[in-house]
Amino acid sequence: LYHRLNVVPIAVPSLEERREDIPALAHHFIAEMNASQGL
């Protein structure tokens, strides 16, 4: 089953491996929660 599922393996990095993206992610979440929850 592993070989059937693992045809194309893709590693998703941890947040610590992409610290440069933290401000953009934080701003995105603020906008998203403002639209969905009115925060």
PDB file of all heavy atoms in Angstrom:
ATOM      1  N   LEU A   1       0.835  -1.201   0.000  1.00  0.00           N
ATOM      2  CA  LEU A   1       0.000   0.000   0.000  1.00  0.00           C
ATOM      3  C   LEU A   1       0.869   1.249   0.000  1.00  0.00           C
ATOM      4  O   LEU A   1       0.556   2.229  -0.688  1.00  0.00           O
ATOM      5  CB  LEU A   1      -0.922   0.001   1.217  1.00  0.00           C
ATOM      6  CG  LEU A   1      -1.847   1.223   1.366  1.00  0.00           C
ATOM      7  CD1 LEU A   1      -2.748   1.378   0.145  1.00  0.00           C
ATOM      8  CD2 LEU A   1      -2.673   1.128   2.645  1.00  0.00           C
ATOM      9  N   TYR A   2       1.957   1.217   0.735  1.00  0.00           N
ATOM     10  CA  TYR A   2       2.889   2.355   0.761  1.00  0.00           C
ATOM     11  C   TYR A   2       3.387   2.674  -0.644  1.00  0.00           C
ATOM     12  O   TYR A   2       3.385   3.840  -1.069  1.00  0.00           O
ATOM     13  CB  TYR A   2       4.065   2.034   1.684  1.00  0.00           C
ATOM     14  CG  TYR A   2       5.210   3.016   1.578  1.00  0.00           C
ATOM     15  CD1 TYR A   2       5.138   4.275   2.162  1.00  0.00           C
ATOM     16  CD2 TYR A   2       6.374   2.671   0.873  1.00  0.00           C
ATOM     17  CE1 TYR A   2       6.185   5.175   2.056  1.00  0.00           C
ATOM     18  CE2 TYR A   2       7.424   3.567   0.761  1.00  0.00           C
ATOM     19  CZ  TYR A   2       7.327   4.817   1.366  1.00  0.00           C
ATOM     20  OH  TYR A   2       8.364   5.708   1.244  1.00  0.00           O
ATOM     21  N   HIS A   3       3.790   1.645  -1.379  1.00  0.00           N
ATOM     22  CA  HIS A   3       4.313   1.877  -2.732  1.00  0.00           C
ATOM     23  C   HIS A   3       3.208   2.357  -3.689  1.00  0.00           C
ATOM     24  O   HIS A   3       3.480   3.131  -4.614  1.00  0.00           O
ATOM     25  CB  HIS A   3       4.984   0.613  -3.261  1.00  0.00           C
ATOM     26  CG  HIS A   3       6.255   0.268  -2.524  1.00  0.00           C
ATOM     27  ND1 HIS A   3       7.314   1.132  -2.445  1.00  0.00           N
ATOM     28  CD2 HIS A   3       6.621  -0.851  -1.833  1.00  0.00           C
ATOM     29  CE1 HIS A   3       8.296   0.575  -1.739  1.00  0.00           C
ATOM     30  NE2 HIS A   3       7.893  -0.628  -1.357  1.00  0.00           N
ATOM     31  N   ARG A   4       1.969   1.905  -3.464  1.00  0.00           N
ATOM     32  CA  ARG A   4       0.860   2.357  -4.305  1.00  0.00           C
ATOM     33  C   ARG A   4       0.543   3.834  -4.050  1.00  0.00           C
ATOM     34  O   ARG A   4       0.202   4.574  -4.968  1.00  0.00           O
ATOM     35  CB  ARG A   4      -0.389   1.520  -4.016  1.00  0.00           C
ATOM     36  CG  ARG A   4      -0.300   0.082  -4.491  1.00  0.00           C
ATOM     37  CD  ARG A   4      -0.643  -0.034  -5.961  1.00  0.00           C
ATOM     38  NE  ARG A   4      -0.600  -1.432  -6.392  1.00  0.00           N
ATOM     39  CZ  ARG A   4      -0.833  -1.830  -7.623  1.00  0.00           C
ATOM     40  NH1 ARG A   4      -1.134  -0.934  -8.554  1.00  0.00           N
ATOM     41  NH2 ARG A   4      -0.766  -3.108  -7.949  1.00  0.00           N
ATOM     42  N   LEU A   5       0.629   4.257  -2.784  1.00  0.00           N
ATOM     43  CA  LEU A   5       0.285   5.630  -2.429  1.00  0.00           C
ATOM     44  C   LEU A   5       1.421   6.609  -2.681  1.00  0.00           C
ATOM     45  O   LEU A   5       1.191   7.786  -2.967  1.00  0.00           O
ATOM     46  CB  LEU A   5      -0.123   5.708  -0.952  1.00  0.00           C
ATOM     47  CG  LEU A   5      -1.394   4.972  -0.543  1.00  0.00           C
ATOM     48  CD1 LEU A   5      -1.579   5.060   0.968  1.00  0.00           C
ATOM     49  CD2 LEU A   5      -2.612   5.534  -1.252  1.00  0.00           C
ATOM     50  N   ASN A   6       2.644   6.133  -2.549  1.00  0.00           N
ATOM     51  CA  ASN A   6       3.820   7.001  -2.581  1.00  0.00           C
ATOM     52  C   ASN A   6       4.382   7.152  -3.998  1.00  0.00           C
ATOM     53  O   ASN A   6       5.589   7.127  -4.204  1.00  0.00           O
ATOM     54  CB  ASN A   6       4.893   6.450  -1.637  1.00  0.00           C
ATOM     55  CG  ASN A   6       5.975   7.465  -1.332  1.00  0.00           C
ATOM     56  OD1 ASN A   6       5.694   8.622  -1.065  1.00  0.00           O
ATOM     57  ND2 ASN A   6       7.223   7.029  -1.366  1.00  0.00           N
ATOM     58  N   VAL A   7       3.500   7.336  -4.977  1.00  0.00           N
ATOM     59  CA  VAL A   7       3.960   7.496  -6.363  1.00  0.00           C
ATOM     60  C   VAL A   7       4.730   8.801  -6.516  1.00  0.00           C
ATOM     61  O   VAL A   7       5.819   8.842  -7.084  1.00  0.00           O
ATOM     62  CB  VAL A   7       2.761   7.452  -7.336  1.00  0.00           C
ATOM     63  CG1 VAL A   7       3.231   7.710  -8.773  1.00  0.00           C
ATOM     64  CG2 VAL A   7       2.057   6.103  -7.239  1.00  0.00           C
ATOM     65  N   VAL A   8       4.164   9.895  -5.991  1.00  0.00           N
ATOM     66  CA  VAL A   8       4.839  11.196  -6.021  1.00  0.00           C
ATOM     67  C   VAL A   8       4.950  11.706  -4.584  1.00  0.00           C
ATOM     68  O   VAL A   8       3.988  12.227  -4.029  1.00  0.00           O
ATOM     69  CB  VAL A   8       4.069  12.226  -6.873  1.00  0.00           C
ATOM     70  CG1 VAL A   8       4.844  13.542  -6.939  1.00  0.00           C
ATOM     71  CG2 VAL A   8       3.810  11.696  -8.273  1.00  0.00           C
ATOM     72  N   PRO A   9       6.107  11.543  -3.942  1.00  0.00           N
ATOM     73  CA  PRO A   9       6.271  12.057  -2.575  1.00  0.00           C
ATOM     74  C   PRO A   9       6.604  13.546  -2.579  1.00  0.00           C
ATOM     75  O   PRO A   9       7.451  14.001  -3.339  1.00  0.00           O
ATOM     76  CB  PRO A   9       7.445  11.227  -2.037  1.00  0.00           C
ATOM     77  CG  PRO A   9       8.240  10.851  -3.245  1.00  0.00           C
ATOM     78  CD  PRO A   9       7.285  10.786  -4.413  1.00  0.00           C
ATOM     79  N   ILE A  10       5.906  14.311  -1.755  1.00  0.00           N
ATOM     80  CA  ILE A  10       6.159  15.752  -1.632  1.00  0.00           C
ATOM     81  C   ILE A  10       6.245  16.097  -0.144  1.00  0.00           C
ATOM     82  O   ILE A  10       5.324  15.791   0.619  1.00  0.00           O
ATOM     83  CB  ILE A  10       5.061  16.590  -2.304  1.00  0.00           C
ATOM     84  CG1 ILE A  10       5.036  16.319  -3.818  1.00  0.00           C
ATOM     85  CG2 ILE A  10       5.266  18.078  -2.039  1.00  0.00           C
ATOM     86  CD1 ILE A  10       3.961  17.092  -4.560  1.00  0.00           C
ATOM     87  N   ALA A  11       7.338  16.727   0.254  1.00  0.00           N
ATOM     88  CA  ALA A  11       7.539  17.124   1.651  1.00  0.00           C
ATOM     89  C   ALA A  11       6.990  18.532   1.858  1.00  0.00           C
ATOM     90  O   ALA A  11       7.323  19.454   1.114  1.00  0.00           O
ATOM     91  CB  ALA A  11       9.019  17.077   2.013  1.00  0.00           C
ATOM     92  N   VAL A  12       6.128  18.689   2.862  1.00  0.00           N
ATOM     93  CA  VAL A  12       5.588  19.997   3.238  1.00  0.00           C
ATOM     94  C   VAL A  12       6.424  20.520   4.401  1.00  0.00           C
ATOM     95  O   VAL A  12       6.469  19.888   5.455  1.00  0.00           O
ATOM     96  CB  VAL A  12       4.106  19.893   3.636  1.00  0.00           C
ATOM     97  CG1 VAL A  12       3.556  21.257   4.054  1.00  0.00           C
ATOM     98  CG2 VAL A  12       3.288  19.325   2.478  1.00  0.00           C
ATOM     99  N   PRO A  13       7.099  21.657   4.247  1.00  0.00           N
ATOM    100  CA  PRO A  13       8.025  22.133   5.283  1.00  0.00           C
ATOM    101  C   PRO A  13       7.305  22.617   6.534  1.00  0.00           C
ATOM    102  O   PRO A  13       6.154  23.056   6.485  1.00  0.00           O
ATOM    103  CB  PRO A  13       8.769  23.288   4.593  1.00  0.00           C
ATOM    104  CG  PRO A  13       7.818  23.777   3.556  1.00  0.00           C
ATOM    105  CD  PRO A  13       7.076  22.565   3.079  1.00  0.00           C
ATOM    106  N   SER A  14       8.009  22.548   7.658  1.00  0.00           N
ATOM    107  CA  SER A  14       7.485  23.096   8.910  1.00  0.00           C
ATOM    108  C   SER A  14       7.502  24.613   8.849  1.00  0.00           C
ATOM    109  O   SER A  14       8.158  25.214   7.982  1.00  0.00           O
ATOM    110  CB  SER A  14       8.338  22.619  10.086  1.00  0.00           C
ATOM    111  OG  SER A  14       9.641  23.192   9.991  1.00  0.00           O
ATOM    112  N   LEU A  15       6.818  25.260   9.773  1.00  0.00           N
ATOM    113  CA  LEU A  15       6.798  26.719   9.801  1.00  0.00           C
ATOM    114  C   LEU A  15       8.181  27.274  10.115  1.00  0.00           C
ATOM    115  O   LEU A  15       8.558  28.338   9.612  1.00  0.00           O
ATOM    116  CB  LEU A  15       5.782  27.209  10.844  1.00  0.00           C
ATOM    117  CG  LEU A  15       5.535  28.718  10.887  1.00  0.00           C
ATOM    118  CD1 LEU A  15       5.060  29.238   9.533  1.00  0.00           C
ATOM    119  CD2 LEU A  15       4.534  29.078  11.976  1.00  0.00           C
ATOM    120  N   GLU A  16       8.946  26.563  10.913  1.00  0.00           N
ATOM    121  CA  GLU A  16      10.287  27.040  11.258  1.00  0.00           C
ATOM    122  C   GLU A  16      11.228  27.010  10.057  1.00  0.00           C
ATOM    123  O   GLU A  16      12.230  27.725  10.033  1.00  0.00           O
ATOM    124  CB  GLU A  16      10.854  26.227  12.424  1.00  0.00           C
ATOM    125  CG  GLU A  16      10.084  26.469  13.723  1.00  0.00           C
ATOM    126  CD  GLU A  16      10.711  25.776  14.913  1.00  0.00           C
ATOM    127  OE1 GLU A  16      11.822  25.243  14.764  1.00  0.00           O
ATOM    128  OE2 GLU A  16      10.085  25.764  15.992  1.00  0.00           O
ATOM    129  N   GLU A  17      10.913  26.197   9.053  1.00  0.00           N
ATOM    130  CA  GLU A  17      11.713  26.178   7.832  1.00  0.00           C
ATOM    131  C   GLU A  17      11.336  27.300   6.877  1.00  0.00           C
ATOM    132  O   GLU A  17      12.038  27.531   5.901  1.00  0.00           O
ATOM    133  CB  GLU A  17      11.539  24.826   7.118  1.00  0.00           C
ATOM    134  CG  GLU A  17      12.111  23.640   7.870  1.00  0.00           C
ATOM    135  CD  GLU A  17      11.856  22.347   7.127  1.00  0.00           C
ATOM    136  OE1 GLU A  17      12.618  22.033   6.191  1.00  0.00           O
ATOM    137  OE2 GLU A  17      10.873  21.651   7.469  1.00  0.00           O
ATOM    138  N   ARG A  18      10.252  27.977   7.173  1.00  0.00           N
ATOM    139  CA  ARG A  18       9.794  29.073   6.313  1.00  0.00           C
ATOM    140  C   ARG A  18       9.377  30.282   7.163  1.00  0.00           C
ATOM    141  O   ARG A  18       8.297  30.854   6.990  1.00  0.00           O
ATOM    142  CB  ARG A  18       8.656  28.606   5.407  1.00  0.00           C
ATOM    143  CG  ARG A  18       7.582  27.769   6.079  1.00  0.00           C
ATOM    144  CD  ARG A  18       6.506  27.300   5.131  1.00  0.00           C
ATOM    145  NE  ARG A  18       5.729  28.374   4.568  1.00  0.00           N
ATOM    146  CZ  ARG A  18       4.411  28.325   4.350  1.00  0.00           C
ATOM    147  NH1 ARG A  18       3.720  27.237   4.676  1.00  0.00           N
ATOM    148  NH2 ARG A  18       3.775  29.337   3.821  1.00  0.00           N
ATOM    149  N   ARG A  19      10.256  30.660   8.099  1.00  0.00           N
ATOM    150  CA  ARG A  19       9.959  31.775   8.997  1.00  0.00           C
ATOM    151  C   ARG A  19       9.689  33.069   8.230  1.00  0.00           C
ATOM    152  O   ARG A  19       8.946  33.929   8.695  1.00  0.00           O
ATOM    153  CB  ARG A  19      11.122  31.988   9.966  1.00  0.00           C
ATOM    154  CG  ARG A  19      11.293  30.879  10.986  1.00  0.00           C
ATOM    155  CD  ARG A  19      12.457  31.174  11.931  1.00  0.00           C
ATOM    156  NE  ARG A  19      12.633  30.111  12.899  1.00  0.00           N
ATOM    157  CZ  ARG A  19      11.963  30.025  14.054  1.00  0.00           C
ATOM    158  NH1 ARG A  19      11.072  30.968  14.356  1.00  0.00           N
ATOM    159  NH2 ARG A  19      12.176  29.031  14.883  1.00  0.00           N
ATOM    160  N   GLU A  20      10.285  33.190   7.069  1.00  0.00           N
ATOM    161  CA  GLU A  20      10.095  34.387   6.248  1.00  0.00           C
ATOM    162  C   GLU A  20       8.625  34.603   5.889  1.00  0.00           C
ATOM    163  O   GLU A  20       8.193  35.737   5.649  1.00  0.00           O
ATOM    164  CB  GLU A  20      10.936  34.242   4.978  1.00  0.00           C
ATOM    165  CG  GLU A  20      11.102  35.503   4.163  1.00  0.00           C
ATOM    166  CD  GLU A  20      11.995  35.273   2.950  1.00  0.00           C
ATOM    167  OE1 GLU A  20      12.599  34.185   2.853  1.00  0.00           O
ATOM    168  OE2 GLU A  20      12.062  36.177   2.116  1.00  0.00           O
ATOM    169  N   ASP A  21       7.840  33.518   5.882  1.00  0.00           N
ATOM    170  CA  ASP A  21       6.437  33.616   5.489  1.00  0.00           C
ATOM    171  C   ASP A  21       5.509  33.955   6.650  1.00  0.00           C
ATOM    172  O   ASP A  21       4.303  34.162   6.431  1.00  0.00           O
ATOM    173  CB  ASP A  21       5.970  32.284   4.872  1.00  0.00           C
ATOM    174  CG  ASP A  21       6.692  31.962   3.578  1.00  0.00           C
ATOM    175  OD1 ASP A  21       7.055  32.919   2.874  1.00  0.00           O
ATOM    176  OD2 ASP A  21       6.880  30.770   3.281  1.00  0.00           O
ATOM    177  N   ILE A  22       6.008  33.991   7.873  1.00  0.00           N
ATOM    178  CA  ILE A  22       5.145  34.184   9.042  1.00  0.00           C
ATOM    179  C   ILE A  22       4.351  35.491   8.967  1.00  0.00           C
ATOM    180  O   ILE A  22       3.127  35.479   9.203  1.00  0.00           O
ATOM    181  CB  ILE A  22       5.965  34.077  10.346  1.00  0.00           C
ATOM    182  CG1 ILE A  22       6.382  32.622  10.566  1.00  0.00           C
ATOM    183  CG2 ILE A  22       5.165  34.591  11.544  1.00  0.00           C
ATOM    184  CD1 ILE A  22       7.280  32.395  11.776  1.00  0.00           C
ATOM    185  N   PRO A  23       4.950  36.652   8.640  1.00  0.00           N
ATOM    186  CA  PRO A  23       4.142  37.873   8.551  1.00  0.00           C
ATOM    187  C   PRO A  23       3.011  37.765   7.525  1.00  0.00           C
ATOM    188  O   PRO A  23       1.878  38.189   7.795  1.00  0.00           O
ATOM    189  CB  PRO A  23       5.167  38.946   8.163  1.00  0.00           C
ATOM    190  CG  PRO A  23       6.468  38.429   8.690  1.00  0.00           C
ATOM    191  CD  PRO A  23       6.388  36.951   8.484  1.00  0.00           C
ATOM    192  N   ALA A  24       3.301  37.219   6.353  1.00  0.00           N
ATOM    193  CA  ALA A  24       2.271  37.090   5.314  1.00  0.00           C
ATOM    194  C   ALA A  24       1.148  36.168   5.776  1.00  0.00           C
ATOM    195  O   ALA A  24      -0.040  36.453   5.543  1.00  0.00           O
ATOM    196  CB  ALA A  24       2.891  36.563   4.025  1.00  0.00           C
ATOM    197  N   LEU A  25       1.497  35.062   6.434  1.00  0.00           N
ATOM    198  CA  LEU A  25       0.481  34.147   6.944  1.00  0.00           C
ATOM    199  C   LEU A  25      -0.370  34.823   8.013  1.00  0.00           C
ATOM    200  O   LEU A  25      -1.599  34.682   8.028  1.00  0.00           O
ATOM    201  CB  LEU A  25       1.147  32.891   7.513  1.00  0.00           C
ATOM    202  CG  LEU A  25       1.686  31.892   6.492  1.00  0.00           C
ATOM    203  CD1 LEU A  25       2.648  30.913   7.160  1.00  0.00           C
ATOM    204  CD2 LEU A  25       0.547  31.133   5.822  1.00  0.00           C
ATOM    205  N   ALA A  26       0.275  35.563   8.909  1.00  0.00           N
ATOM    206  CA  ALA A  26      -0.455  36.232   9.983  1.00  0.00           C
ATOM    207  C   ALA A  26      -1.447  37.252   9.416  1.00  0.00           C
ATOM    208  O   ALA A  26      -2.609  37.315   9.835  1.00  0.00           O
ATOM    209  CB  ALA A  26       0.530  36.903  10.937  1.00  0.00           C
ATOM    210  N   HIS A  27      -1.015  38.044   8.443  1.00  0.00           N
ATOM    211  CA  HIS A  27      -1.911  39.023   7.817  1.00  0.00           C
ATOM    212  C   HIS A  27      -3.069  38.320   7.101  1.00  0.00           C
ATOM    213  O   HIS A  27      -4.211  38.809   7.118  1.00  0.00           O
ATOM    214  CB  HIS A  27      -1.133  39.903   6.838  1.00  0.00           C
ATOM    215  CG  HIS A  27      -0.289  40.951   7.504  1.00  0.00           C
ATOM    216  ND1 HIS A  27      -0.818  42.087   8.075  1.00  0.00           N
ATOM    217  CD2 HIS A  27       1.062  41.021   7.705  1.00  0.00           C
ATOM    218  CE1 HIS A  27       0.163  42.824   8.589  1.00  0.00           C
ATOM    219  NE2 HIS A  27       1.308  42.192   8.386  1.00  0.00           N
ATOM    220  N   HIS A  28      -2.778  37.207   6.463  1.00  0.00           N
ATOM    221  CA  HIS A  28      -3.829  36.445   5.774  1.00  0.00           C
ATOM    222  C   HIS A  28      -4.870  35.950   6.769  1.00  0.00           C
ATOM    223  O   HIS A  28      -6.089  36.064   6.514  1.00  0.00           O
ATOM    224  CB  HIS A  28      -3.205  35.260   5.039  1.00  0.00           C
ATOM    225  CG  HIS A  28      -4.207  34.263   4.540  1.00  0.00           C
ATOM    226  ND1 HIS A  28      -5.031  34.497   3.460  1.00  0.00           N
ATOM    227  CD2 HIS A  28      -4.536  33.020   4.993  1.00  0.00           C
ATOM    228  CE1 HIS A  28      -5.809  33.451   3.262  1.00  0.00           C
ATOM    229  NE2 HIS A  28      -5.539  32.546   4.175  1.00  0.00           N
ATOM    230  N   PHE A  29      -4.426  35.423   7.912  1.00  0.00           N
ATOM    231  CA  PHE A  29      -5.377  34.920   8.908  1.00  0.00           C
ATOM    232  C   PHE A  29      -6.221  36.055   9.491  1.00  0.00           C
ATOM    233  O   PHE A  29      -7.413  35.869   9.763  1.00  0.00           O
ATOM    234  CB  PHE A  29      -4.634  34.176  10.023  1.00  0.00           C
ATOM    235  CG  PHE A  29      -3.982  32.900   9.571  1.00  0.00           C
ATOM    236  CD1 PHE A  29      -2.729  32.519  10.055  1.00  0.00           C
ATOM    237  CD2 PHE A  29      -4.610  32.067   8.653  1.00  0.00           C
ATOM    238  CE1 PHE A  29      -2.127  31.351   9.638  1.00  0.00           C
ATOM    239  CE2 PHE A  29      -4.016  30.885   8.231  1.00  0.00           C
ATOM    240  CZ  PHE A  29      -2.776  30.524   8.727  1.00  0.00           C
ATOM    241  N   ILE A  30      -5.624  37.220   9.698  1.00  0.00           N
ATOM    242  CA  ILE A  30      -6.385  38.364  10.211  1.00  0.00           C
ATOM    243  C   ILE A  30      -7.503  38.741   9.235  1.00  0.00           C
ATOM    244  O   ILE A  30      -8.661  38.936   9.624  1.00  0.00           O
ATOM    245  CB  ILE A  30      -5.449  39.565  10.450  1.00  0.00           C
ATOM    246  CG1 ILE A  30      -4.508  39.275  11.627  1.00  0.00           C
ATOM    247  CG2 ILE A  30      -6.256  40.834  10.728  1.00  0.00           C
ATOM    248  CD1 ILE A  30      -3.417  40.309  11.806  1.00  0.00           C
ATOM    249  N   ALA A  31      -7.164  38.837   7.940  1.00  0.00           N
ATOM    250  CA  ALA A  31      -8.171  39.176   6.930  1.00  0.00           C
ATOM    251  C   ALA A  31      -9.247  38.098   6.845  1.00  0.00           C
ATOM    252  O   ALA A  31     -10.446  38.394   6.713  1.00  0.00           O
ATOM    253  CB  ALA A  31      -7.501  39.374   5.577  1.00  0.00           C
ATOM    254  N   GLU A  32      -8.849  36.848   6.922  1.00  0.00           N
ATOM    255  CA  GLU A  32      -9.791  35.727   6.831  1.00  0.00           C
ATOM    256  C   GLU A  32     -10.768  35.740   8.003  1.00  0.00           C
ATOM    257  O   GLU A  32     -11.985  35.556   7.826  1.00  0.00           O
ATOM    258  CB  GLU A  32      -9.000  34.416   6.809  1.00  0.00           C
ATOM    259  CG  GLU A  32      -9.824  33.173   6.600  1.00  0.00           C
ATOM    260  CD  GLU A  32      -8.972  31.917   6.608  1.00  0.00           C
ATOM    261  OE1 GLU A  32      -8.489  31.536   7.702  1.00  0.00           O
ATOM    262  OE2 GLU A  32      -8.767  31.332   5.529  1.00  0.00           O
ATOM    263  N   MET A  33     -10.258  35.977   9.223  1.00  0.00           N
ATOM    264  CA  MET A  33     -11.117  35.961  10.413  1.00  0.00           C
ATOM    265  C   MET A  33     -11.990  37.210  10.490  1.00  0.00           C
ATOM    266  O   MET A  33     -13.072  37.179  11.055  1.00  0.00           O
ATOM    267  CB  MET A  33     -10.256  35.818  11.667  1.00  0.00           C
ATOM    268  CG  MET A  33      -9.590  34.468  11.785  1.00  0.00           C
ATOM    269  SD  MET A  33      -8.387  34.411  13.122  1.00  0.00           S
ATOM    270  CE  MET A  33      -7.542  32.870  12.726  1.00  0.00           C
ATOM    271  N   ASN A  34     -11.524  38.295   9.888  1.00  0.00           N
ATOM    272  CA  ASN A  34     -12.367  39.482   9.809  1.00  0.00           C
ATOM    273  C   ASN A  34     -13.567  39.214   8.905  1.00  0.00           C
ATOM    274  O   ASN A  34     -14.705  39.587   9.227  1.00  0.00           O
ATOM    275  CB  ASN A  34     -11.556  40.665   9.291  1.00  0.00           C
ATOM    276  CG  ASN A  34     -12.421  41.884   8.983  1.00  0.00           C
ATOM    277  OD1 ASN A  34     -12.753  42.144   7.824  1.00  0.00           O
ATOM    278  ND2 ASN A  34     -12.795  42.621  10.010  1.00  0.00           N
ATOM    279  N   ALA A  35     -13.324  38.535   7.778  1.00  0.00           N
ATOM    280  CA  ALA A  35     -14.396  38.250   6.828  1.00  0.00           C
ATOM    281  C   ALA A  35     -15.357  37.191   7.348  1.00  0.00           C
ATOM    282  O   ALA A  35     -16.573  37.287   7.159  1.00  0.00           O
ATOM    283  CB  ALA A  35     -13.803  37.813   5.488  1.00  0.00           C
ATOM    284  N   SER A  36     -14.843  36.156   8.031  1.00  0.00           N
ATOM    285  CA  SER A  36     -15.686  35.032   8.437  1.00  0.00           C
ATOM    286  C   SER A  36     -16.302  35.203   9.815  1.00  0.00           C
ATOM    287  O   SER A  36     -17.410  34.712  10.071  1.00  0.00           O
ATOM    288  CB  SER A  36     -14.877  33.728   8.409  1.00  0.00           C
ATOM    289  OG  SER A  36     -13.791  33.776   9.330  1.00  0.00           O
ATOM    290  N   GLN A  37     -15.599  35.916  10.735  1.00  0.00           N
ATOM    291  CA  GLN A  37     -16.083  36.023  12.108  1.00  0.00           C
ATOM    292  C   GLN A  37     -16.327  37.459  12.561  1.00  0.00           C
ATOM    293  O   GLN A  37     -16.821  37.685  13.669  1.00  0.00           O
ATOM    294  CB  GLN A  37     -15.079  35.385  13.077  1.00  0.00           C
ATOM    295  CG  GLN A  37     -14.765  33.926  12.793  1.00  0.00           C
ATOM    296  CD  GLN A  37     -13.769  33.360  13.789  1.00  0.00           C
ATOM    297  OE1 GLN A  37     -13.859  33.611  14.989  1.00  0.00           O
ATOM    298  NE2 GLN A  37     -12.794  32.604  13.303  1.00  0.00           N
ATOM    299  N   GLY A  38     -15.948  38.423  11.731  1.00  0.00           N
ATOM    300  CA  GLY A  38     -16.113  39.808  12.129  1.00  0.00           C
ATOM    301  C   GLY A  38     -15.106  40.275  13.162  1.00  0.00           C
ATOM    302  O   GLY A  38     -15.325  41.291  13.835  1.00  0.00           O
ATOM    303  N   LEU A  39     -13.993  39.563  13.307  1.00  0.00           N
ATOM    304  CA  LEU A  39     -12.960  39.960  14.261  1.00  0.00           C
ATOM    305  C   LEU A  39     -12.228  41.197  13.730  1.00  0.00           C
ATOM    306  O   LEU A  39     -12.229  41.453  12.528  1.00  0.00           O
ATOM    307  CB  LEU A  39     -11.984  38.808  14.499  1.00  0.00           C
ATOM    308  CG  LEU A  39     -12.591  37.578  15.202  1.00  0.00           C
ATOM    309  CD1 LEU A  39     -11.569  36.456  15.314  1.00  0.00           C
ATOM    310  CD2 LEU A  39     -13.137  37.949  16.574  1.00  0.00           C
TER     311      LEU A  39
END
